[in-house]
Amino acid sequence: MSAPLRWLVVMALAYGAIGCGASLGRVETGAGGALGADRQSTRAFELRLRYEAREPTLHGASVRVHLRPARSIEVLALDDDGVVLERAITDDLGRVRLHAEGATKLRALSQIEIDGYSVLVSKSREGGAPHYFDFDLLRGESEELVLADVDPEGIGGAFHILDTIYTGLRAVREWTGEVLPPLTVRYIRDDNSHWSQYVGEYPDGSGRHLIYLMGGEPGRRHRSDGDEHDPHVILHELAHFVFAVLSTNSTPGGMHPTGHLVEPGLAWEEGRATFFAAAVLRAPRYFDTLGFEPHGRLLIDTDLERGGDGPKGEGSQEAVAELLWDLADGDGELPDLDGDPIALGPGRLIRAMIDLGERPGAYPSLSSFLQHLIAVGDVERAPMERLLAMGNHPSSLLEDRWPIELALGSTVSDKIDAINPPKAGGPALKATGIDAVRVYRFELKEASFIEARLRIGSRKGGAINLELRDIRAKLLGRTIGKGREATLARFLEPGFYTIYIRDGGDGAAADFEFALTVD
């Protein structure tokens, strides 16, 4: 068995696949499918619900489906008129027992509302009605029902999303004791109108958060990128939600292709989300499929334990994921295959992220997190240096400073370059490359009117953007500088803020002078 195939098997076992293929209770239509012609009323019935899931293969998501229990989902017993007669919740094996005189239909909802967990997989970004399957019931018999994915209308993928999210949230509670706010996952089969991404609180002020997941292109499901059966991708987006709620957010987002050095905040957020997904699934291999076998392929196949040949350092999302795995593995929960000298475990590592996030002005990157672990005594410097050397990571990570501290009233001279390859290695990258962005942090002790003024010296290429953001990376103001000067002025409350000077997306190289004044 090849190494990639062996790791696919390990991942499948770690994720808990049970059984595969079709069952006698399998429904051939996604909604309204019937298990039998007898629609008489029933007083009691015992049911087991499972959903069809797919595994990643070297040639896309598997054609063969695996049956997994639909855990903790809400189930409704309905009469012929659609009146809800009873509600119940499935157990960890997907079993449910209902008593409802006159019930002729069972409805399985893609939502979980139990023990403080609140997750909804819906077509609506506002958290509207969940996806559901309807089944006609036989009289008083135990039945196995399958939430199908393979037929033209099947949305078993919605239940795979739900169960994967549930797995991740249970891990967070185990590691931190925290129960997170309500979450909506917007997923529509055959809809790629949005990239898979964590959006944030939506609607604003609702207390509910939103994740988008791609469902594949219409008519091209077998050859396009849908994420409903990619557990790593689902958990990666969940991680952005977890960290945004429990710790920090130090990136405005943007493109982050593998093999590139990106600005350190972006690298930190993307890398630790990848680590989180691998840690929840208890294996260091990260997969992202495109299409179904044999027409598809693996978009991403990353081994966090072995590492890759890409650039290392502060701006490498791959390095972030690799180092976090090495810091956590070997504790008995995550396997350690290279015998590195540190074994904190995922829970302790994530709690350290939460602790760092509570420090005034926290805006973490890989270097500041490693330095925090040493400063609070979680790791001694010598083992950290050995771990860096084992993975060919630069020792400068223990000295680097990001973002750049900016004193009020000061003037700085610097440059950005989104045209030439960065000296640290890797190809040039517009807008989000490590050389395409400069990030400055400043603190206001009292409410003040600030003015940020950017002067461009020598220059090649397109616009230079000047951005003001709060300490959670929320955009407060932006100017697009196509000339020699750009100015931003705002009245701000006391607190920490960041200034981004960055390539506008067309590719630019420029020397600049930047001044921040306070009235």
Protein backbone atom coordinates (compact mmCIF):
# COMPACT_ATOMS: atom_id res chain seq x y z
CA MET A 1 0.00 0.00 0.00
CA SER A 2 1.41 3.40 -0.99
CA ALA A 3 2.04 6.05 1.68
CA PRO A 4 -0.80 8.33 0.48
CA LEU A 5 -3.27 5.43 0.44
CA ARG A 6 -2.10 4.28 3.87
CA TRP A 7 -2.75 7.76 5.27
CA LEU A 8 -6.20 7.82 3.67
CA VAL A 9 -7.02 4.64 5.57
CA VAL A 10 -5.66 6.10 8.82
CA MET A 11 -7.77 9.23 8.37
CA ALA A 12 -10.90 7.19 7.67
CA LEU A 13 -10.38 5.16 10.84
CA ALA A 14 -9.71 8.29 12.87
CA TYR A 15 -12.93 9.85 11.64
CA GLY A 16 -14.96 6.85 12.73
CA ALA A 17 -16.43 5.43 9.52
CA ILE A 18 -18.86 2.60 10.28
CA GLY A 19 -19.97 0.30 7.52
CA CYS A 20 -20.17 1.14 3.85
CA GLY A 21 -22.39 0.80 0.86
CA ALA A 22 -26.17 0.58 0.73
CA SER A 23 -28.49 -0.96 3.29
CA LEU A 24 -31.92 -2.57 3.16
CA GLY A 25 -33.44 0.61 4.56
CA ARG A 26 -31.80 2.81 1.98
CA VAL A 27 -34.04 5.42 0.34
CA GLU A 28 -33.59 6.02 -3.35
CA THR A 29 -35.05 9.53 -3.36
CA GLY A 30 -33.69 12.41 -1.31
CA ALA A 31 -36.97 13.72 0.10
CA GLY A 32 -40.37 12.09 0.31
CA GLY A 33 -38.95 8.59 -0.29
CA ALA A 34 -41.07 5.72 1.05
CA LEU A 35 -39.94 2.69 3.04
CA GLY A 36 -43.17 0.87 2.40
CA ALA A 37 -46.73 1.19 1.21
CA ASP A 38 -48.35 0.72 4.64
CA ARG A 39 -49.11 4.23 6.00
CA GLN A 40 -51.25 3.24 8.97
CA SER A 41 -50.91 5.15 12.23
CA THR A 42 -48.57 3.88 14.90
CA ARG A 43 -48.23 4.30 18.64
CA ALA A 44 -44.53 3.60 18.99
CA PHE A 45 -41.62 3.06 16.68
CA GLU A 46 -37.87 2.65 17.06
CA LEU A 47 -35.66 3.96 14.31
CA ARG A 48 -31.99 4.21 13.48
CA LEU A 49 -30.83 6.99 11.18
CA ARG A 50 -27.56 6.97 9.29
CA TYR A 51 -26.23 9.28 6.60
CA GLU A 52 -24.14 8.59 3.51
CA ALA A 53 -20.61 10.00 3.67
CA ARG A 54 -17.65 9.77 1.32
CA GLU A 55 -13.93 9.40 1.98
CA PRO A 56 -11.08 11.28 0.27
CA THR A 57 -9.13 9.24 -2.30
CA LEU A 58 -6.27 10.07 -4.64
CA HIS A 59 -8.85 10.72 -7.38
CA GLY A 60 -11.42 12.79 -5.50
CA ALA A 61 -14.17 11.90 -3.05
CA SER A 62 -15.00 8.20 -3.05
CA VAL A 63 -17.81 6.81 -5.17
CA ARG A 64 -18.51 4.28 -2.44
CA VAL A 65 -20.51 5.73 0.43
CA HIS A 66 -20.00 4.93 4.09
CA LEU A 67 -22.88 4.89 6.56
CA ARG A 68 -22.42 6.84 9.78
CA PRO A 69 -24.87 7.47 12.61
CA ALA A 70 -26.85 10.71 12.42
CA ARG A 71 -26.06 11.73 16.00
CA SER A 72 -28.04 14.17 18.15
CA ILE A 73 -30.20 15.40 15.28
CA GLU A 74 -33.79 16.52 15.73
CA VAL A 75 -36.49 14.18 14.42
CA LEU A 76 -40.16 15.05 13.97
CA ALA A 77 -43.16 12.71 13.81
CA LEU A 78 -45.80 14.19 11.46
CA ASP A 79 -49.31 13.27 10.46
CA ASP A 80 -50.71 13.36 6.91
CA ASP A 81 -51.40 17.08 7.23
CA GLY A 82 -47.83 17.88 8.29
CA VAL A 83 -48.75 18.56 11.93
CA VAL A 84 -45.87 17.88 14.33
CA LEU A 85 -47.01 15.23 16.79
CA GLU A 86 -43.73 14.65 18.60
CA ARG A 87 -40.08 15.72 18.61
CA ALA A 88 -37.11 13.59 19.63
CA ILE A 89 -33.32 13.57 19.46
CA THR A 90 -31.22 10.68 18.16
CA ASP A 91 -28.54 9.19 20.40
CA ASP A 92 -24.85 8.71 19.52
CA LEU A 93 -25.77 5.63 17.45
CA GLY A 94 -28.44 7.52 15.53
CA ARG A 95 -31.28 5.73 17.35
CA VAL A 96 -34.56 7.34 18.32
CA ARG A 97 -37.82 6.13 19.85
CA LEU A 98 -41.06 8.01 19.24
CA HIS A 99 -44.64 7.61 20.48
CA ALA A 100 -47.18 9.44 18.34
CA GLU A 101 -50.70 8.27 17.56
CA GLY A 102 -51.48 8.99 13.92
CA ALA A 103 -47.91 9.59 12.76
CA THR A 104 -47.33 8.63 9.13
CA LYS A 105 -44.15 10.51 8.34
CA LEU A 106 -40.74 11.04 9.91
CA ARG A 107 -38.72 14.19 9.23
CA ALA A 108 -34.97 14.32 9.97
CA LEU A 109 -33.62 17.85 10.34
CA SER A 110 -30.02 18.91 9.73
CA GLN A 111 -29.77 20.72 13.04
CA ILE A 112 -28.49 20.02 16.54
CA GLU A 113 -29.90 21.67 19.65
CA ILE A 114 -28.63 19.74 22.64
CA ASP A 115 -26.37 20.27 25.69
CA GLY A 116 -25.67 23.86 24.70
CA TYR A 117 -24.71 22.99 21.12
CA SER A 118 -26.64 24.89 18.46
CA VAL A 119 -25.76 24.08 14.85
CA LEU A 120 -27.90 24.46 11.74
CA VAL A 121 -27.08 23.43 8.17
CA SER A 122 -29.37 25.41 5.91
CA LYS A 123 -29.82 26.95 2.49
CA SER A 124 -30.26 30.29 4.25
CA ARG A 125 -27.41 32.39 5.57
CA GLU A 126 -29.82 33.96 8.09
CA GLY A 127 -30.28 30.61 9.85
CA GLY A 128 -33.64 29.71 8.37
CA ALA A 129 -35.11 26.25 7.82
CA PRO A 130 -32.63 23.36 7.93
CA HIS A 131 -32.21 20.77 5.21
CA TYR A 132 -34.45 17.79 5.89
CA PHE A 133 -35.40 14.30 4.75
CA ASP A 134 -38.94 12.94 4.92
CA PHE A 135 -39.66 9.23 5.27
CA ASP A 136 -42.98 7.38 5.31
CA LEU A 137 -43.26 5.04 8.26
CA LEU A 138 -44.14 1.37 8.56
CA ARG A 139 -46.48 0.28 11.34
CA GLY A 140 -44.81 -0.27 14.72
CA GLU A 141 -41.62 -1.87 13.39
CA SER A 142 -37.97 -1.01 13.95
CA GLU A 143 -36.56 0.64 10.87
CA GLU A 144 -33.16 1.75 9.61
CA LEU A 145 -33.36 4.95 7.58
CA VAL A 146 -30.57 6.29 5.42
CA LEU A 147 -30.10 9.96 4.60
CA ALA A 148 -29.02 9.59 1.00
CA ASP A 149 -26.38 11.46 -0.96
CA VAL A 150 -26.02 9.55 -4.21
CA ASP A 151 -29.33 10.30 -5.89
CA PRO A 152 -29.99 13.50 -7.86
CA GLU A 153 -31.81 15.23 -5.00
CA GLY A 154 -29.91 13.70 -2.08
CA ILE A 155 -28.45 16.05 0.49
CA GLY A 156 -26.74 13.52 2.75
CA GLY A 157 -23.76 15.86 2.52
CA ALA A 158 -25.64 18.32 4.74
CA PHE A 159 -25.74 15.71 7.49
CA HIS A 160 -22.03 14.96 7.01
CA ILE A 161 -21.34 18.67 7.49
CA LEU A 162 -23.50 18.72 10.61
CA ASP A 163 -21.87 15.68 12.17
CA THR A 164 -18.36 16.93 11.38
CA ILE A 165 -19.12 20.29 13.00
CA TYR A 166 -20.54 18.44 16.01
CA THR A 167 -17.33 16.40 16.29
CA GLY A 168 -15.27 19.60 16.27
CA LEU A 169 -17.42 21.38 18.84
CA ARG A 170 -17.28 18.41 21.18
CA ALA A 171 -13.48 18.44 20.89
CA VAL A 172 -13.43 22.15 21.77
CA ARG A 173 -15.52 21.49 24.88
CA GLU A 174 -13.25 18.59 25.84
CA TRP A 175 -10.10 20.70 25.38
CA THR A 176 -11.28 24.02 26.81
CA GLY A 177 -14.59 23.51 28.61
CA GLU A 178 -16.12 26.16 26.34
CA VAL A 179 -19.51 26.01 24.62
CA LEU A 180 -19.60 28.23 21.57
CA PRO A 181 -22.38 30.50 20.25
CA PRO A 182 -25.00 29.27 17.75
CA LEU A 183 -23.64 28.49 14.29
CA THR A 184 -25.25 28.38 10.84
CA VAL A 185 -23.58 26.57 7.96
CA ARG A 186 -24.96 27.69 4.62
CA TYR A 187 -24.68 24.80 2.21
CA ILE A 188 -26.55 24.30 -1.05
CA ARG A 189 -25.78 21.32 -3.24
CA ASP A 190 -24.68 22.47 -6.72
CA ASP A 191 -23.92 26.01 -5.54
CA ASN A 192 -20.43 27.50 -5.63
CA SER A 193 -21.51 31.14 -5.45
CA HIS A 194 -19.29 31.61 -2.37
CA TRP A 195 -15.90 30.25 -1.37
CA SER A 196 -15.93 28.07 1.71
CA GLN A 197 -15.24 30.55 4.48
CA TYR A 198 -16.06 31.69 7.99
CA VAL A 199 -18.03 34.94 7.68
CA GLY A 200 -18.44 35.99 11.33
CA GLU A 201 -21.52 36.99 13.26
CA TYR A 202 -24.51 37.11 10.92
CA PRO A 203 -26.87 38.83 10.98
CA ASP A 204 -24.86 41.44 12.82
CA GLY A 205 -25.87 41.56 16.48
CA SER A 206 -27.76 38.25 16.34
CA GLY A 207 -25.24 36.28 18.35
CA ARG A 208 -25.29 33.64 15.61
CA HIS A 209 -22.25 32.99 13.43
CA LEU A 210 -22.04 31.92 9.78
CA ILE A 211 -19.91 29.58 7.69
CA TYR A 212 -20.27 29.15 3.91
CA LEU A 213 -19.45 25.77 2.36
CA MET A 214 -19.26 25.14 -1.38
CA GLY A 215 -21.58 22.54 -2.89
CA GLY A 216 -20.04 22.06 -6.34
CA GLU A 217 -20.90 23.60 -9.68
CA PRO A 218 -24.35 22.96 -11.20
CA GLY A 219 -24.22 19.96 -13.52
CA ARG A 220 -20.53 19.36 -12.75
CA ARG A 221 -20.70 17.88 -9.27
CA HIS A 222 -18.36 15.01 -10.14
CA ARG A 223 -15.65 17.32 -11.49
CA SER A 224 -15.98 20.48 -9.41
CA ASP A 225 -15.04 21.51 -5.89
CA GLY A 226 -17.69 20.85 -3.27
CA ASP A 227 -16.66 20.64 0.37
CA GLU A 228 -19.56 18.80 1.98
CA HIS A 229 -17.58 15.54 2.16
CA ASP A 230 -14.21 17.11 3.07
CA PRO A 231 -13.98 16.83 6.88
CA HIS A 232 -10.68 18.69 7.00
CA VAL A 233 -12.08 21.67 5.09
CA ILE A 234 -15.23 21.75 7.22
CA LEU A 235 -13.15 21.68 10.42
CA HIS A 236 -10.72 24.27 9.03
CA GLU A 237 -13.59 26.74 8.59
CA LEU A 238 -14.98 25.77 11.99
CA ALA A 239 -11.57 26.56 13.49
CA HIS A 240 -11.76 30.15 12.25
CA PHE A 241 -15.04 30.43 14.17
CA VAL A 242 -13.56 28.78 17.27
CA PHE A 243 -10.49 31.01 17.40
CA ALA A 244 -12.37 34.19 16.53
CA VAL A 245 -14.73 33.58 19.46
CA LEU A 246 -12.25 32.22 22.01
CA SER A 247 -8.99 34.01 21.23
CA THR A 248 -8.06 36.47 18.49
CA ASN A 249 -8.21 37.31 14.82
CA SER A 250 -5.09 38.91 13.41
CA THR A 251 -5.74 38.82 9.69
CA PRO A 252 -8.05 40.68 7.31
CA GLY A 253 -8.15 37.54 5.14
CA GLY A 254 -7.34 37.23 1.48
CA MET A 255 -5.61 34.76 -0.83
CA HIS A 256 -3.19 32.29 0.76
CA PRO A 257 -2.07 29.73 -1.84
CA THR A 258 0.15 26.92 -0.62
CA GLY A 259 3.87 27.35 -1.21
CA HIS A 260 3.81 31.12 -0.73
CA LEU A 261 4.90 33.34 2.12
CA VAL A 262 1.99 35.52 3.15
CA GLU A 263 1.69 38.27 5.73
CA PRO A 264 2.26 36.73 9.18
CA GLY A 265 -1.24 37.27 10.60
CA LEU A 266 -2.82 35.52 7.63
CA ALA A 267 -0.30 32.68 7.87
CA TRP A 268 -1.05 32.28 11.58
CA GLU A 269 -4.83 32.11 11.19
CA GLU A 270 -4.75 29.73 8.22
CA GLY A 271 -2.06 27.49 9.68
CA ARG A 272 -3.69 27.07 13.06
CA ALA A 273 -7.04 26.30 11.40
CA THR A 274 -5.32 23.48 9.46
CA PHE A 275 -3.75 22.21 12.69
CA PHE A 276 -7.14 22.26 14.42
CA ALA A 277 -8.73 20.13 11.69
CA ALA A 278 -5.95 17.55 11.88
CA ALA A 279 -6.04 17.51 15.69
CA VAL A 280 -9.81 16.89 15.80
CA LEU A 281 -9.38 13.96 13.39
CA ARG A 282 -6.34 12.71 15.36
CA ALA A 283 -4.08 12.27 12.32
CA PRO A 284 -1.47 14.61 10.78
CA ARG A 285 -2.60 14.28 7.16
CA TYR A 286 -4.80 17.07 5.71
CA PHE A 287 -6.88 16.44 2.57
CA ASP A 288 -9.06 18.54 0.28
CA THR A 289 -10.73 16.78 -2.64
CA LEU A 290 -12.00 18.15 -5.93
CA GLY A 291 -14.77 16.13 -7.59
CA PHE A 292 -15.49 12.41 -7.31
CA GLU A 293 -13.32 9.51 -8.36
CA PRO A 294 -12.28 8.77 -11.04
CA HIS A 295 -12.76 12.31 -12.39
CA GLY A 296 -11.41 14.22 -9.39
CA ARG A 297 -8.15 14.73 -7.58
CA LEU A 298 -6.67 15.89 -4.31
CA LEU A 299 -6.33 19.66 -4.22
CA ILE A 300 -4.39 19.43 -0.97
CA ASP A 301 -2.51 16.50 0.50
CA THR A 302 -0.38 17.80 3.38
CA ASP A 303 1.51 15.83 5.99
CA LEU A 304 1.91 17.99 9.09
CA GLU A 305 4.34 15.53 10.64
CA ARG A 306 6.77 15.15 7.74
CA GLY A 307 6.50 18.75 6.52
CA GLY A 308 6.96 19.93 2.97
CA ASP A 309 9.53 21.56 0.74
CA GLY A 310 7.92 25.01 0.74
CA PRO A 311 9.26 28.15 2.39
CA LYS A 312 9.49 28.26 6.18
CA GLY A 313 9.26 31.08 8.69
CA GLU A 314 6.90 33.74 9.94
CA GLY A 315 4.82 33.96 6.76
CA SER A 316 4.38 30.23 6.08
CA GLN A 317 0.94 28.82 6.88
CA GLU A 318 2.38 25.34 6.35
CA ALA A 319 5.07 26.02 8.95
CA VAL A 320 2.43 27.19 11.42
CA ALA A 321 0.44 23.96 11.04
CA GLU A 322 3.55 21.78 11.21
CA LEU A 323 4.93 23.46 14.33
CA LEU A 324 1.61 23.41 16.15
CA TRP A 325 1.26 19.69 15.42
CA ASP A 326 4.79 19.03 16.71
CA LEU A 327 4.11 21.09 19.83
CA ALA A 328 0.95 19.09 20.55
CA ASP A 329 1.68 15.51 19.44
CA GLY A 330 3.08 12.76 21.62
CA ASP A 331 0.79 13.43 24.58
CA GLY A 332 -1.19 10.21 24.09
CA GLU A 333 -3.94 11.95 22.13
CA LEU A 334 -2.11 12.81 18.91
CA PRO A 335 0.41 10.38 17.37
CA ASP A 336 4.07 11.47 17.30
CA LEU A 337 5.97 9.84 14.46
CA ASP A 338 9.20 11.84 14.58
CA GLY A 339 10.00 11.86 18.30
CA ASP A 340 10.14 15.63 18.70
CA PRO A 341 10.97 16.91 22.21
CA ILE A 342 7.65 18.65 23.09
CA ALA A 343 4.24 17.09 23.79
CA LEU A 344 1.74 19.65 25.09
CA GLY A 345 -1.42 18.13 23.67
CA PRO A 346 -4.04 20.01 21.60
CA GLY A 347 -6.06 21.19 24.59
CA ARG A 348 -3.11 22.79 26.36
CA LEU A 349 -1.97 24.39 23.11
CA ILE A 350 -5.38 25.91 22.37
CA ARG A 351 -5.70 27.14 25.96
CA ALA A 352 -2.35 28.88 25.49
CA MET A 353 -3.80 30.64 22.42
CA ILE A 354 -6.76 31.77 24.54
CA ASP A 355 -4.38 33.00 27.24
CA LEU A 356 -2.31 34.98 24.73
CA GLY A 357 -5.51 36.47 23.32
CA GLU A 358 -6.35 37.91 26.72
CA ARG A 359 -3.13 39.96 26.81
CA PRO A 360 -3.59 43.68 26.01
CA GLY A 361 -3.08 44.41 22.33
CA ALA A 362 -2.77 40.74 21.36
CA TYR A 363 -2.40 40.37 17.60
CA PRO A 364 -0.58 37.04 17.31
CA SER A 365 1.64 35.49 14.71
CA LEU A 366 3.70 32.29 14.78
CA SER A 367 6.68 34.01 16.38
CA SER A 368 4.72 35.78 19.10
CA PHE A 369 2.94 32.54 20.02
CA LEU A 370 6.17 30.56 20.30
CA GLN A 371 7.66 33.34 22.40
CA HIS A 372 4.53 33.35 24.58
CA LEU A 373 4.87 29.61 25.28
CA ILE A 374 8.41 30.18 26.51
CA ALA A 375 7.52 33.32 28.48
CA VAL A 376 4.76 31.62 30.49
CA GLY A 377 6.81 28.48 31.11
CA ASP A 378 4.83 26.03 28.97
CA VAL A 379 7.99 25.24 26.99
CA GLU A 380 11.66 25.76 27.79
CA ARG A 381 13.78 27.51 25.20
CA ALA A 382 16.22 24.64 24.57
CA PRO A 383 13.55 22.08 23.54
CA MET A 384 11.89 24.76 21.40
CA GLU A 385 15.19 25.39 19.61
CA ARG A 386 15.62 21.64 19.01
CA LEU A 387 12.08 21.36 17.65
CA LEU A 388 12.71 24.25 15.22
CA ALA A 389 15.95 22.66 14.04
CA MET A 390 14.29 19.25 13.47
CA GLY A 391 11.78 20.86 11.09
CA ASN A 392 14.29 23.18 9.39
CA HIS A 393 12.45 26.21 10.78
CA PRO A 394 14.49 29.40 11.25
CA SER A 395 15.66 30.07 14.82
CA SER A 396 14.79 33.74 14.19
CA LEU A 397 11.16 32.82 15.02
CA LEU A 398 12.15 33.17 18.65
CA GLU A 399 13.25 36.77 18.08
CA ASP A 400 10.97 38.10 15.32
CA ARG A 401 8.52 40.89 16.09
CA TRP A 402 5.22 41.35 14.27
CA PRO A 403 3.35 43.63 13.86
CA ILE A 404 5.66 46.64 13.96
CA GLU A 405 5.11 48.79 17.04
CA LEU A 406 4.27 52.38 16.10
CA ALA A 407 4.64 55.26 18.51
CA LEU A 408 2.12 58.08 18.24
CA GLY A 409 3.52 61.09 16.42
CA SER A 410 6.28 59.05 14.81
CA THR A 411 7.30 58.77 11.16
CA VAL A 412 8.59 55.55 9.63
CA SER A 413 10.21 54.75 6.29
CA ASP A 414 9.70 51.32 4.73
CA LYS A 415 8.81 49.60 1.45
CA ILE A 416 6.51 46.99 -0.01
CA ASP A 417 7.16 44.77 -3.01
CA ALA A 418 4.53 42.55 -4.61
CA ILE A 419 6.49 42.24 -7.85
CA ASN A 420 9.79 40.56 -6.93
CA PRO A 421 10.22 37.30 -5.00
CA PRO A 422 10.73 37.94 -1.28
CA LYS A 423 14.22 37.50 0.10
CA ALA A 424 12.82 35.05 2.65
CA GLY A 425 11.96 32.67 -0.20
CA GLY A 426 8.98 31.69 -2.31
CA PRO A 427 7.33 33.46 -5.25
CA ALA A 428 5.94 37.00 -5.15
CA LEU A 429 2.27 37.34 -4.24
CA LYS A 430 0.05 40.37 -4.77
CA ALA A 431 -1.98 41.92 -1.95
CA THR A 432 -1.22 39.34 0.76
CA GLY A 433 2.41 38.32 0.15
CA ILE A 434 4.85 38.76 3.02
CA ASP A 435 6.61 41.59 1.14
CA ALA A 436 3.35 43.09 -0.14
CA VAL A 437 2.08 44.17 3.30
CA ARG A 438 3.40 46.13 6.26
CA VAL A 439 1.42 46.03 9.50
CA TYR A 440 1.81 48.55 12.35
CA ARG A 441 0.16 48.46 15.77
CA PHE A 442 -0.47 51.47 18.00
CA GLU A 443 -2.30 52.21 21.23
CA LEU A 444 -4.53 55.12 22.16
CA LYS A 445 -4.70 55.83 25.89
CA GLU A 446 -7.67 58.14 25.47
CA ALA A 447 -10.27 58.96 22.83
CA SER A 448 -8.52 60.90 20.08
CA PHE A 449 -8.66 62.12 16.51
CA ILE A 450 -5.91 60.40 14.50
CA GLU A 451 -4.52 61.15 11.07
CA ALA A 452 -2.49 58.62 9.10
CA ARG A 453 -0.58 60.06 6.17
CA LEU A 454 1.22 57.99 3.53
CA ARG A 455 3.74 59.47 1.10
CA ILE A 456 4.96 57.35 -1.82
CA GLY A 457 8.53 57.66 -3.09
CA SER A 458 9.90 55.54 -5.92
CA ARG A 459 7.21 53.30 -7.31
CA LYS A 460 6.31 50.60 -9.84
CA GLY A 461 2.94 49.10 -10.61
CA GLY A 462 -0.53 49.76 -9.24
CA ALA A 463 -2.23 51.25 -6.21
CA ILE A 464 -0.99 51.24 -2.62
CA ASN A 465 -3.78 50.86 -0.03
CA LEU A 466 -3.76 52.44 3.42
CA GLU A 467 -6.06 50.65 5.91
CA LEU A 468 -7.07 51.28 9.51
CA ARG A 469 -8.27 48.23 11.47
CA ASP A 470 -9.18 47.44 15.04
CA ILE A 471 -7.33 44.82 17.09
CA ARG A 472 -9.65 42.13 15.71
CA ALA A 473 -8.75 43.07 12.11
CA LYS A 474 -12.13 44.69 11.44
CA LEU A 475 -11.79 47.34 8.72
CA LEU A 476 -12.47 50.87 10.02
CA GLY A 477 -11.29 52.86 7.03
CA ARG A 478 -9.40 52.55 3.74
CA THR A 479 -7.92 54.79 1.09
CA ILE A 480 -6.74 53.57 -2.29
CA GLY A 481 -3.60 55.48 -3.12
CA LYS A 482 -2.96 55.86 -6.82
CA GLY A 483 -1.10 59.11 -6.47
CA ARG A 484 1.83 60.21 -4.30
CA GLU A 485 -0.13 60.69 -1.08
CA ALA A 486 -2.98 59.05 0.84
CA THR A 487 -4.57 60.16 4.12
CA LEU A 488 -6.94 58.54 6.63
CA ALA A 489 -8.50 60.48 9.51
CA ARG A 490 -10.78 59.03 12.20
CA PHE A 491 -11.99 59.68 15.74
CA LEU A 492 -11.17 56.57 17.81
CA GLU A 493 -11.95 55.34 21.29
CA PRO A 494 -9.12 54.19 23.58
CA GLY A 495 -7.58 50.86 22.64
CA PHE A 496 -5.21 49.12 20.24
CA TYR A 497 -5.41 49.53 16.46
CA THR A 498 -3.49 48.44 13.37
CA ILE A 499 -2.44 50.19 10.19
CA TYR A 500 -1.95 48.16 7.01
CA ILE A 501 0.05 49.50 4.07
CA ARG A 502 -0.37 47.02 1.24
CA ASP A 503 -0.36 46.32 -2.44
CA GLY A 504 -3.76 47.14 -3.94
CA GLY A 505 -4.00 43.84 -5.81
CA ASP A 506 -2.42 44.75 -9.15
CA GLY A 507 1.20 44.27 -8.17
CA ALA A 508 3.23 47.21 -6.86
CA ALA A 509 6.65 47.99 -5.46
CA ALA A 510 7.20 51.25 -3.62
CA ASP A 511 9.26 53.06 -1.01
CA PHE A 512 7.09 55.01 1.39
CA GLU A 513 7.08 57.30 4.39
CA PHE A 514 4.30 56.96 6.90
CA ALA A 515 3.31 59.30 9.74
CA LEU A 516 0.66 58.94 12.45
CA THR A 517 -0.44 62.07 14.29
CA VAL A 518 -2.91 62.44 17.15
CA ASP A 519 -4.98 65.47 18.09
